[in-house]
Amino acid sequence: MSDKKEPSPGDGIRSLKTSNVFRIINFELYTKPNLTIMGIGLVALTGCLGYIAYMRQKYEKLGFYGAIKDDGSEEFLKKNSKWD
């Protein structure tokens, strides 16, 4: 049929005999890493986390604090003094 070379150490999962269904379901195991897409994703993730940190710092600077409700959700409330 086909002349496949003998698997050598370090070939990983690509050298194992698997079905086409397994290869389709686990596509990411058989593709090579794409550094361009990985870089774009890393920049996007860093931007999202930076924006969340910026917005949280902005609300805290305005005098808000994060309060956890009984149902587990978070709500930003304005700080009130007991002396008012």
PDB file of N, CA and C in Angstrom:
ATOM      1  N   MET A   1       0.818  -1.182   0.000  1.00  0.00           N
ATOM      2  CA  MET A   1       0.000   0.000   0.000  1.00  0.00           C
ATOM      3  C   MET A   1       0.868   1.253   0.000  1.00  0.00           C
ATOM      4  N   SER A   2       1.218   1.752   1.188  1.00  0.00           N
ATOM      5  CA  SER A   2       2.072   2.935   1.251  1.00  0.00           C
ATOM      6  C   SER A   2       3.329   2.586   2.045  1.00  0.00           C
ATOM      7  N   ASP A   3       4.416   3.175   1.652  1.00  0.00           N
ATOM      8  CA  ASP A   3       5.695   2.936   2.322  1.00  0.00           C
ATOM      9  C   ASP A   3       5.924   4.028   3.363  1.00  0.00           C
ATOM     10  N   LYS A   4       5.422   3.793   4.572  1.00  0.00           N
ATOM     11  CA  LYS A   4       5.635   4.758   5.646  1.00  0.00           C
ATOM     12  C   LYS A   4       6.924   4.403   6.355  1.00  0.00           C
ATOM     13  N   LYS A   5       7.668   5.431   6.741  1.00  0.00           N
ATOM     14  CA  LYS A   5       8.908   5.179   7.466  1.00  0.00           C
ATOM     15  C   LYS A   5       8.595   4.772   8.897  1.00  0.00           C
ATOM     16  N   GLU A   6       9.518   4.111   9.501  1.00  0.00           N
ATOM     17  CA  GLU A   6       9.379   3.654  10.885  1.00  0.00           C
ATOM     18  C   GLU A   6       9.381   4.871  11.815  1.00  0.00           C
ATOM     19  N   PRO A   7       8.442   4.943  12.763  1.00  0.00           N
ATOM     20  CA  PRO A   7       8.428   6.100  13.676  1.00  0.00           C
ATOM     21  C   PRO A   7       9.685   6.143  14.528  1.00  0.00           C
ATOM     22  N   SER A   8      10.187   7.340  14.709  1.00  0.00           N
ATOM     23  CA  SER A   8      11.373   7.523  15.539  1.00  0.00           C
ATOM     24  C   SER A   8      10.979   8.312  16.786  1.00  0.00           C
ATOM     25  N   PRO A   9      11.794   8.261  17.816  1.00  0.00           N
ATOM     26  CA  PRO A   9      11.479   9.008  19.034  1.00  0.00           C
ATOM     27  C   PRO A   9      11.331  10.503  18.729  1.00  0.00           C
ATOM     28  N   GLY A  10      10.299  11.108  19.299  1.00  0.00           N
ATOM     29  CA  GLY A  10      10.057  12.526  19.081  1.00  0.00           C
ATOM     30  C   GLY A  10       9.026  12.811  18.017  1.00  0.00           C
ATOM     31  N   ASP A  11       8.542  11.776  17.306  1.00  0.00           N
ATOM     32  CA  ASP A  11       7.528  11.998  16.276  1.00  0.00           C
ATOM     33  C   ASP A  11       6.172  12.313  16.890  1.00  0.00           C
ATOM     34  N   GLY A  12       5.934  11.858  18.099  1.00  0.00           N
ATOM     35  CA  GLY A  12       4.702  12.175  18.790  1.00  0.00           C
ATOM     36  C   GLY A  12       3.514  11.413  18.263  1.00  0.00           C
ATOM     37  N   ILE A  13       2.335  12.007  18.397  1.00  0.00           N
ATOM     38  CA  ILE A  13       1.088  11.324  18.051  1.00  0.00           C
ATOM     39  C   ILE A  13       0.913  11.174  16.546  1.00  0.00           C
ATOM     40  N   ARG A  14       1.621  11.959  15.753  1.00  0.00           N
ATOM     41  CA  ARG A  14       1.503  11.853  14.301  1.00  0.00           C
ATOM     42  C   ARG A  14       1.962  10.496  13.776  1.00  0.00           C
ATOM     43  N   SER A  15       2.813   9.819  14.522  1.00  0.00           N
ATOM     44  CA  SER A  15       3.347   8.547  14.057  1.00  0.00           C
ATOM     45  C   SER A  15       2.434   7.366  14.377  1.00  0.00           C
ATOM     46  N   LEU A  16       1.417   7.550  15.214  1.00  0.00           N
ATOM     47  CA  LEU A  16       0.519   6.461  15.587  1.00  0.00           C
ATOM     48  C   LEU A  16      -0.510   6.203  14.492  1.00  0.00           C
ATOM     49  N   LYS A  17      -0.949   4.940  14.406  1.00  0.00           N
ATOM     50  CA  LYS A  17      -2.025   4.611  13.482  1.00  0.00           C
ATOM     51  C   LYS A  17      -3.347   5.010  14.123  1.00  0.00           C
ATOM     52  N   THR A  18      -4.074   5.897  13.472  1.00  0.00           N
ATOM     53  CA  THR A  18      -5.363   6.349  13.986  1.00  0.00           C
ATOM     54  C   THR A  18      -6.371   6.374  12.853  1.00  0.00           C
ATOM     55  N   SER A  19      -7.638   6.453  13.207  1.00  0.00           N
ATOM     56  CA  SER A  19      -8.682   6.531  12.196  1.00  0.00           C
ATOM     57  C   SER A  19      -8.848   7.970  11.726  1.00  0.00           C
ATOM     58  N   ASN A  20      -9.504   8.127  10.590  1.00  0.00           N
ATOM     59  CA  ASN A  20      -9.746   9.473  10.058  1.00  0.00           C
ATOM     60  C   ASN A  20     -10.704  10.248  10.955  1.00  0.00           C
ATOM     61  N   VAL A  21     -11.625   9.560  11.615  1.00  0.00           N
ATOM     62  CA  VAL A  21     -12.555  10.228  12.531  1.00  0.00           C
ATOM     63  C   VAL A  21     -11.776  10.843  13.693  1.00  0.00           C
ATOM     64  N   PHE A  22     -10.827  10.111  14.248  1.00  0.00           N
ATOM     65  CA  PHE A  22     -10.006  10.641  15.337  1.00  0.00           C
ATOM     66  C   PHE A  22      -9.213  11.847  14.869  1.00  0.00           C
ATOM     67  N   ARG A  23      -8.687  11.792  13.649  1.00  0.00           N
ATOM     68  CA  ARG A  23      -7.910  12.916  13.116  1.00  0.00           C
ATOM     69  C   ARG A  23      -8.779  14.146  12.894  1.00  0.00           C
ATOM     70  N   ILE A  24     -10.040  13.950  12.482  1.00  0.00           N
ATOM     71  CA  ILE A  24     -10.934  15.088  12.263  1.00  0.00           C
ATOM     72  C   ILE A  24     -11.355  15.707  13.595  1.00  0.00           C
ATOM     73  N   ILE A  25     -11.692  14.866  14.565  1.00  0.00           N
ATOM     74  CA  ILE A  25     -12.145  15.370  15.864  1.00  0.00           C
ATOM     75  C   ILE A  25     -10.999  16.075  16.593  1.00  0.00           C
ATOM     76  N   ASN A  26      -9.801  15.545  16.518  1.00  0.00           N
ATOM     77  CA  ASN A  26      -8.631  16.114  17.211  1.00  0.00           C
ATOM     78  C   ASN A  26      -7.689  16.775  16.205  1.00  0.00           C
ATOM     79  N   PHE A  27      -8.236  17.694  15.431  1.00  0.00           N
ATOM     80  CA  PHE A  27      -7.486  18.353  14.359  1.00  0.00           C
ATOM     81  C   PHE A  27      -6.230  19.060  14.861  1.00  0.00           C
ATOM     82  N   GLU A  28      -6.326  19.685  16.046  1.00  0.00           N
ATOM     83  CA  GLU A  28      -5.200  20.471  16.556  1.00  0.00           C
ATOM     84  C   GLU A  28      -3.981  19.615  16.906  1.00  0.00           C
ATOM     85  N   LEU A  29      -4.159  18.299  17.064  1.00  0.00           N
ATOM     86  CA  LEU A  29      -3.030  17.432  17.377  1.00  0.00           C
ATOM     87  C   LEU A  29      -2.162  17.148  16.153  1.00  0.00           C
ATOM     88  N   TYR A  30      -2.723  17.328  14.958  1.00  0.00           N
ATOM     89  CA  TYR A  30      -2.023  16.946  13.742  1.00  0.00           C
ATOM     90  C   TYR A  30      -1.561  18.133  12.909  1.00  0.00           C
ATOM     91  N   THR A  31      -1.830  19.339  13.320  1.00  0.00           N
ATOM     92  CA  THR A  31      -1.385  20.507  12.570  1.00  0.00           C
ATOM     93  C   THR A  31      -0.156  21.110  13.235  1.00  0.00           C
ATOM     94  N   LYS A  32       0.620  21.794  12.446  1.00  0.00           N
ATOM     95  CA  LYS A  32       1.803  22.463  12.977  1.00  0.00           C
ATOM     96  C   LYS A  32       1.381  23.822  13.534  1.00  0.00           C
ATOM     97  N   PRO A  33       2.053  24.311  14.570  1.00  0.00           N
ATOM     98  CA  PRO A  33       1.682  25.607  15.155  1.00  0.00           C
ATOM     99  C   PRO A  33       1.885  26.743  14.155  1.00  0.00           C
ATOM    100  N   ASN A  34       0.945  27.661  14.125  1.00  0.00           N
ATOM    101  CA  ASN A  34       1.034  28.832  13.272  1.00  0.00           C
ATOM    102  C   ASN A  34       1.384  30.021  14.158  1.00  0.00           C
ATOM    103  N   LEU A  35       2.615  30.486  14.059  1.00  0.00           N
ATOM    104  CA  LEU A  35       3.098  31.537  14.949  1.00  0.00           C
ATOM    105  C   LEU A  35       2.396  32.864  14.713  1.00  0.00           C
ATOM    106  N   THR A  36       1.975  33.143  13.484  1.00  0.00           N
ATOM    107  CA  THR A  36       1.285  34.398  13.191  1.00  0.00           C
ATOM    108  C   THR A  36      -0.056  34.452  13.909  1.00  0.00           C
ATOM    109  N   ILE A  37      -0.845  33.396  13.775  1.00  0.00           N
ATOM    110  CA  ILE A  37      -2.152  33.342  14.430  1.00  0.00           C
ATOM    111  C   ILE A  37      -1.987  33.342  15.949  1.00  0.00           C
ATOM    112  N   MET A  38      -0.984  32.630  16.444  1.00  0.00           N
ATOM    113  CA  MET A  38      -0.736  32.595  17.878  1.00  0.00           C
ATOM    114  C   MET A  38      -0.372  33.990  18.392  1.00  0.00           C
ATOM    115  N   GLY A  39       0.416  34.728  17.641  1.00  0.00           N
ATOM    116  CA  GLY A  39       0.791  36.089  18.030  1.00  0.00           C
ATOM    117  C   GLY A  39      -0.406  37.020  18.055  1.00  0.00           C
ATOM    118  N   ILE A  40      -1.270  36.907  17.042  1.00  0.00           N
ATOM    119  CA  ILE A  40      -2.480  37.742  16.998  1.00  0.00           C
ATOM    120  C   ILE A  40      -3.379  37.423  18.184  1.00  0.00           C
ATOM    121  N   GLY A  41      -3.544  36.147  18.506  1.00  0.00           N
ATOM    122  CA  GLY A  41      -4.362  35.756  19.642  1.00  0.00           C
ATOM    123  C   GLY A  41      -3.788  36.247  20.958  1.00  0.00           C
ATOM    124  N   LEU A  42      -2.475  36.197  21.081  1.00  0.00           N
ATOM    125  CA  LEU A  42      -1.825  36.666  22.304  1.00  0.00           C
ATOM    126  C   LEU A  42      -2.009  38.169  22.479  1.00  0.00           C
ATOM    127  N   VAL A  43      -1.882  38.920  21.386  1.00  0.00           N
ATOM    128  CA  VAL A  43      -2.095  40.368  21.453  1.00  0.00           C
ATOM    129  C   VAL A  43      -3.547  40.679  21.808  1.00  0.00           C
ATOM    130  N   ALA A  44      -4.498  39.946  21.212  1.00  0.00           N
ATOM    131  CA  ALA A  44      -5.918  40.169  21.502  1.00  0.00           C
ATOM    132  C   ALA A  44      -6.237  39.846  22.964  1.00  0.00           C
ATOM    133  N   LEU A  45      -5.724  38.744  23.467  1.00  0.00           N
ATOM    134  CA  LEU A  45      -5.965  38.371  24.861  1.00  0.00           C
ATOM    135  C   LEU A  45      -5.352  39.387  25.816  1.00  0.00           C
ATOM    136  N   THR A  46      -4.146  39.836  25.534  1.00  0.00           N
ATOM    137  CA  THR A  46      -3.489  40.839  26.362  1.00  0.00           C
ATOM    138  C   THR A  46      -4.269  42.153  26.341  1.00  0.00           C
ATOM    139  N   GLY A  47      -4.776  42.532  25.166  1.00  0.00           N
ATOM    140  CA  GLY A  47      -5.581  43.745  25.064  1.00  0.00           C
ATOM    141  C   GLY A  47      -6.859  43.661  25.871  1.00  0.00           C
ATOM    142  N   CYS A  48      -7.538  42.521  25.822  1.00  0.00           N
ATOM    143  CA  CYS A  48      -8.775  42.336  26.594  1.00  0.00           C
ATOM    144  C   CYS A  48      -8.513  42.400  28.092  1.00  0.00           C
ATOM    145  N   LEU A  49      -7.473  41.715  28.552  1.00  0.00           N
ATOM    146  CA  LEU A  49      -7.149  41.736  29.979  1.00  0.00           C
ATOM    147  C   LEU A  49      -6.723  43.135  30.437  1.00  0.00           C
ATOM    148  N   GLY A  50      -5.992  43.839  29.586  1.00  0.00           N
ATOM    149  CA  GLY A  50      -5.592  45.214  29.903  1.00  0.00           C
ATOM    150  C   GLY A  50      -6.789  46.135  30.003  1.00  0.00           C
ATOM    151  N   TYR A  51      -7.767  45.965  29.101  1.00  0.00           N
ATOM    152  CA  TYR A  51      -8.976  46.790  29.128  1.00  0.00           C
ATOM    153  C   TYR A  51      -9.799  46.521  30.387  1.00  0.00           C
ATOM    154  N   ILE A  52      -9.918  45.258  30.766  1.00  0.00           N
ATOM    155  CA  ILE A  52     -10.647  44.915  31.987  1.00  0.00           C
ATOM    156  C   ILE A  52      -9.961  45.521  33.210  1.00  0.00           C
ATOM    157  N   ALA A  53      -8.639  45.427  33.266  1.00  0.00           N
ATOM    158  CA  ALA A  53      -7.898  46.007  34.393  1.00  0.00           C
ATOM    159  C   ALA A  53      -8.050  47.531  34.409  1.00  0.00           C
ATOM    160  N   TYR A  54      -8.038  48.162  33.239  1.00  0.00           N
ATOM    161  CA  TYR A  54      -8.201  49.618  33.145  1.00  0.00           C
ATOM    162  C   TYR A  54      -9.579  50.043  33.645  1.00  0.00           C
ATOM    163  N   MET A  55     -10.620  49.334  33.198  1.00  0.00           N
ATOM    164  CA  MET A  55     -11.981  49.695  33.606  1.00  0.00           C
ATOM    165  C   MET A  55     -12.172  49.483  35.110  1.00  0.00           C
ATOM    166  N   ARG A  56     -11.601  48.433  35.657  1.00  0.00           N
ATOM    167  CA  ARG A  56     -11.721  48.171  37.098  1.00  0.00           C
ATOM    168  C   ARG A  56     -11.026  49.278  37.896  1.00  0.00           C
ATOM    169  N   GLN A  57      -9.842  49.666  37.457  1.00  0.00           N
ATOM    170  CA  GLN A  57      -9.092  50.721  38.135  1.00  0.00           C
ATOM    171  C   GLN A  57      -9.844  52.045  38.017  1.00  0.00           C
ATOM    172  N   LYS A  58     -10.459  52.289  36.884  1.00  0.00           N
ATOM    173  CA  LYS A  58     -11.203  53.527  36.667  1.00  0.00           C
ATOM    174  C   LYS A  58     -12.384  53.623  37.628  1.00  0.00           C
ATOM    175  N   TYR A  59     -13.149  52.533  37.785  1.00  0.00           N
ATOM    176  CA  TYR A  59     -14.288  52.544  38.699  1.00  0.00           C
ATOM    177  C   TYR A  59     -13.837  52.693  40.145  1.00  0.00           C
ATOM    178  N   GLU A  60     -12.749  52.052  40.525  1.00  0.00           N
ATOM    179  CA  GLU A  60     -12.261  52.173  41.899  1.00  0.00           C
ATOM    180  C   GLU A  60     -11.775  53.590  42.184  1.00  0.00           C
ATOM    181  N   LYS A  61     -11.211  54.249  41.185  1.00  0.00           N
ATOM    182  CA  LYS A  61     -10.738  55.622  41.346  1.00  0.00           C
ATOM    183  C   LYS A  61     -11.918  56.581  41.530  1.00  0.00           C
ATOM    184  N   LEU A  62     -13.057  56.277  40.913  1.00  0.00           N
ATOM    185  CA  LEU A  62     -14.251  57.109  41.053  1.00  0.00           C
ATOM    186  C   LEU A  62     -14.977  56.867  42.370  1.00  0.00           C
ATOM    187  N   GLY A  63     -14.555  55.915  43.165  1.00  0.00           N
ATOM    188  CA  GLY A  63     -15.156  55.675  44.465  1.00  0.00           C
ATOM    189  C   GLY A  63     -16.116  54.505  44.482  1.00  0.00           C
ATOM    190  N   PHE A  64     -16.039  53.633  43.495  1.00  0.00           N
ATOM    191  CA  PHE A  64     -16.883  52.444  43.467  1.00  0.00           C
ATOM    192  C   PHE A  64     -16.100  51.253  44.001  1.00  0.00           C
ATOM    193  N   TYR A  65     -16.815  50.254  44.453  1.00  0.00           N
ATOM    194  CA  TYR A  65     -16.172  49.014  44.889  1.00  0.00           C
ATOM    195  C   TYR A  65     -17.003  47.837  44.407  1.00  0.00           C
ATOM    196  N   GLY A  66     -16.356  46.701  44.228  1.00  0.00           N
ATOM    197  CA  GLY A  66     -17.046  45.512  43.757  1.00  0.00           C
ATOM    198  C   GLY A  66     -17.697  44.780  44.903  1.00  0.00           C
ATOM    199  N   ALA A  67     -19.019  44.647  44.865  1.00  0.00           N
ATOM    200  CA  ALA A  67     -19.760  43.945  45.911  1.00  0.00           C
ATOM    201  C   ALA A  67     -20.333  42.664  45.322  1.00  0.00           C
ATOM    202  N   ILE A  68     -20.224  41.587  46.049  1.00  0.00           N
ATOM    203  CA  ILE A  68     -20.754  40.300  45.611  1.00  0.00           C
ATOM    204  C   ILE A  68     -22.171  40.139  46.155  1.00  0.00           C
ATOM    205  N   LYS A  69     -23.115  39.889  45.265  1.00  0.00           N
ATOM    206  CA  LYS A  69     -24.508  39.695  45.673  1.00  0.00           C
ATOM    207  C   LYS A  69     -24.703  38.281  46.207  1.00  0.00           C
ATOM    208  N   ASP A  70     -25.919  38.007  46.709  1.00  0.00           N
ATOM    209  CA  ASP A  70     -26.241  36.680  47.231  1.00  0.00           C
ATOM    210  C   ASP A  70     -26.198  35.604  46.157  1.00  0.00           C
ATOM    211  N   ASP A  71     -26.519  35.969  44.908  1.00  0.00           N
ATOM    212  CA  ASP A  71     -26.538  34.974  43.835  1.00  0.00           C
ATOM    213  C   ASP A  71     -25.158  34.750  43.210  1.00  0.00           C
ATOM    214  N   GLY A  72     -24.131  35.471  43.688  1.00  0.00           N
ATOM    215  CA  GLY A  72     -22.774  35.258  43.222  1.00  0.00           C
ATOM    216  C   GLY A  72     -22.311  36.249  42.171  1.00  0.00           C
ATOM    217  N   SER A  73     -23.184  37.115  41.684  1.00  0.00           N
ATOM    218  CA  SER A  73     -22.782  38.096  40.683  1.00  0.00           C
ATOM    219  C   SER A  73     -22.137  39.304  41.369  1.00  0.00           C
ATOM    220  N   GLU A  74     -21.374  40.054  40.597  1.00  0.00           N
ATOM    221  CA  GLU A  74     -20.656  41.203  41.137  1.00  0.00           C
ATOM    222  C   GLU A  74     -21.335  42.483  40.682  1.00  0.00           C
ATOM    223  N   GLU A  75     -21.427  43.438  41.571  1.00  0.00           N
ATOM    224  CA  GLU A  75     -22.050  44.722  41.271  1.00  0.00           C
ATOM    225  C   GLU A  75     -21.155  45.816  41.821  1.00  0.00           C
ATOM    226  N   PHE A  76     -20.982  46.909  41.057  1.00  0.00           N
ATOM    227  CA  PHE A  76     -20.184  48.033  41.530  1.00  0.00           C
ATOM    228  C   PHE A  76     -21.107  49.031  42.223  1.00  0.00           C
ATOM    229  N   LEU A  77     -20.815  49.305  43.483  1.00  0.00           N
ATOM    230  CA  LEU A  77     -21.607  50.231  44.282  1.00  0.00           C
ATOM    231  C   LEU A  77     -20.745  51.417  44.687  1.00  0.00           C
ATOM    232  N   LYS A  78     -21.390  52.576  44.824  1.00  0.00           N
ATOM    233  CA  LYS A  78     -20.692  53.774  45.262  1.00  0.00           C
ATOM    234  C   LYS A  78     -20.424  53.675  46.760  1.00  0.00           C
ATOM    235  N   LYS A  79     -19.217  54.045  47.176  1.00  0.00           N
ATOM    236  CA  LYS A  79     -18.868  54.006  48.595  1.00  0.00           C
ATOM    237  C   LYS A  79     -19.671  55.075  49.339  1.00  0.00           C
ATOM    238  N   ASN A  80     -20.289  54.688  50.424  1.00  0.00           N
ATOM    239  CA  ASN A  80     -21.068  55.602  51.255  1.00  0.00           C
ATOM    240  C   ASN A  80     -20.429  55.681  52.629  1.00  0.00           C
ATOM    241  N   SER A  81     -20.495  56.901  53.202  1.00  0.00           N
ATOM    242  CA  SER A  81     -19.981  57.092  54.553  1.00  0.00           C
ATOM    243  C   SER A  81     -21.110  56.902  55.546  1.00  0.00           C
ATOM    244  N   LYS A  82     -20.790  56.327  56.672  1.00  0.00           N
ATOM    245  CA  LYS A  82     -21.798  56.163  57.713  1.00  0.00           C
ATOM    246  C   LYS A  82     -22.157  57.508  58.352  1.00  0.00           C
ATOM    247  N   TRP A  83     -21.350  58.524  58.112  1.00  0.00           N
ATOM    248  CA  TRP A  83     -21.551  59.826  58.719  1.00  0.00           C
ATOM    249  C   TRP A  83     -22.463  60.731  57.890  1.00  0.00           C
ATOM    250  N   ASP A  84     -22.864  60.279  56.701  1.00  0.00           N
ATOM    251  CA  ASP A  84     -23.736  61.095  55.842  1.00  0.00           C
ATOM    252  C   ASP A  84     -25.159  61.052  56.279  1.00  0.00           C
TER     253      ASP A  84
END
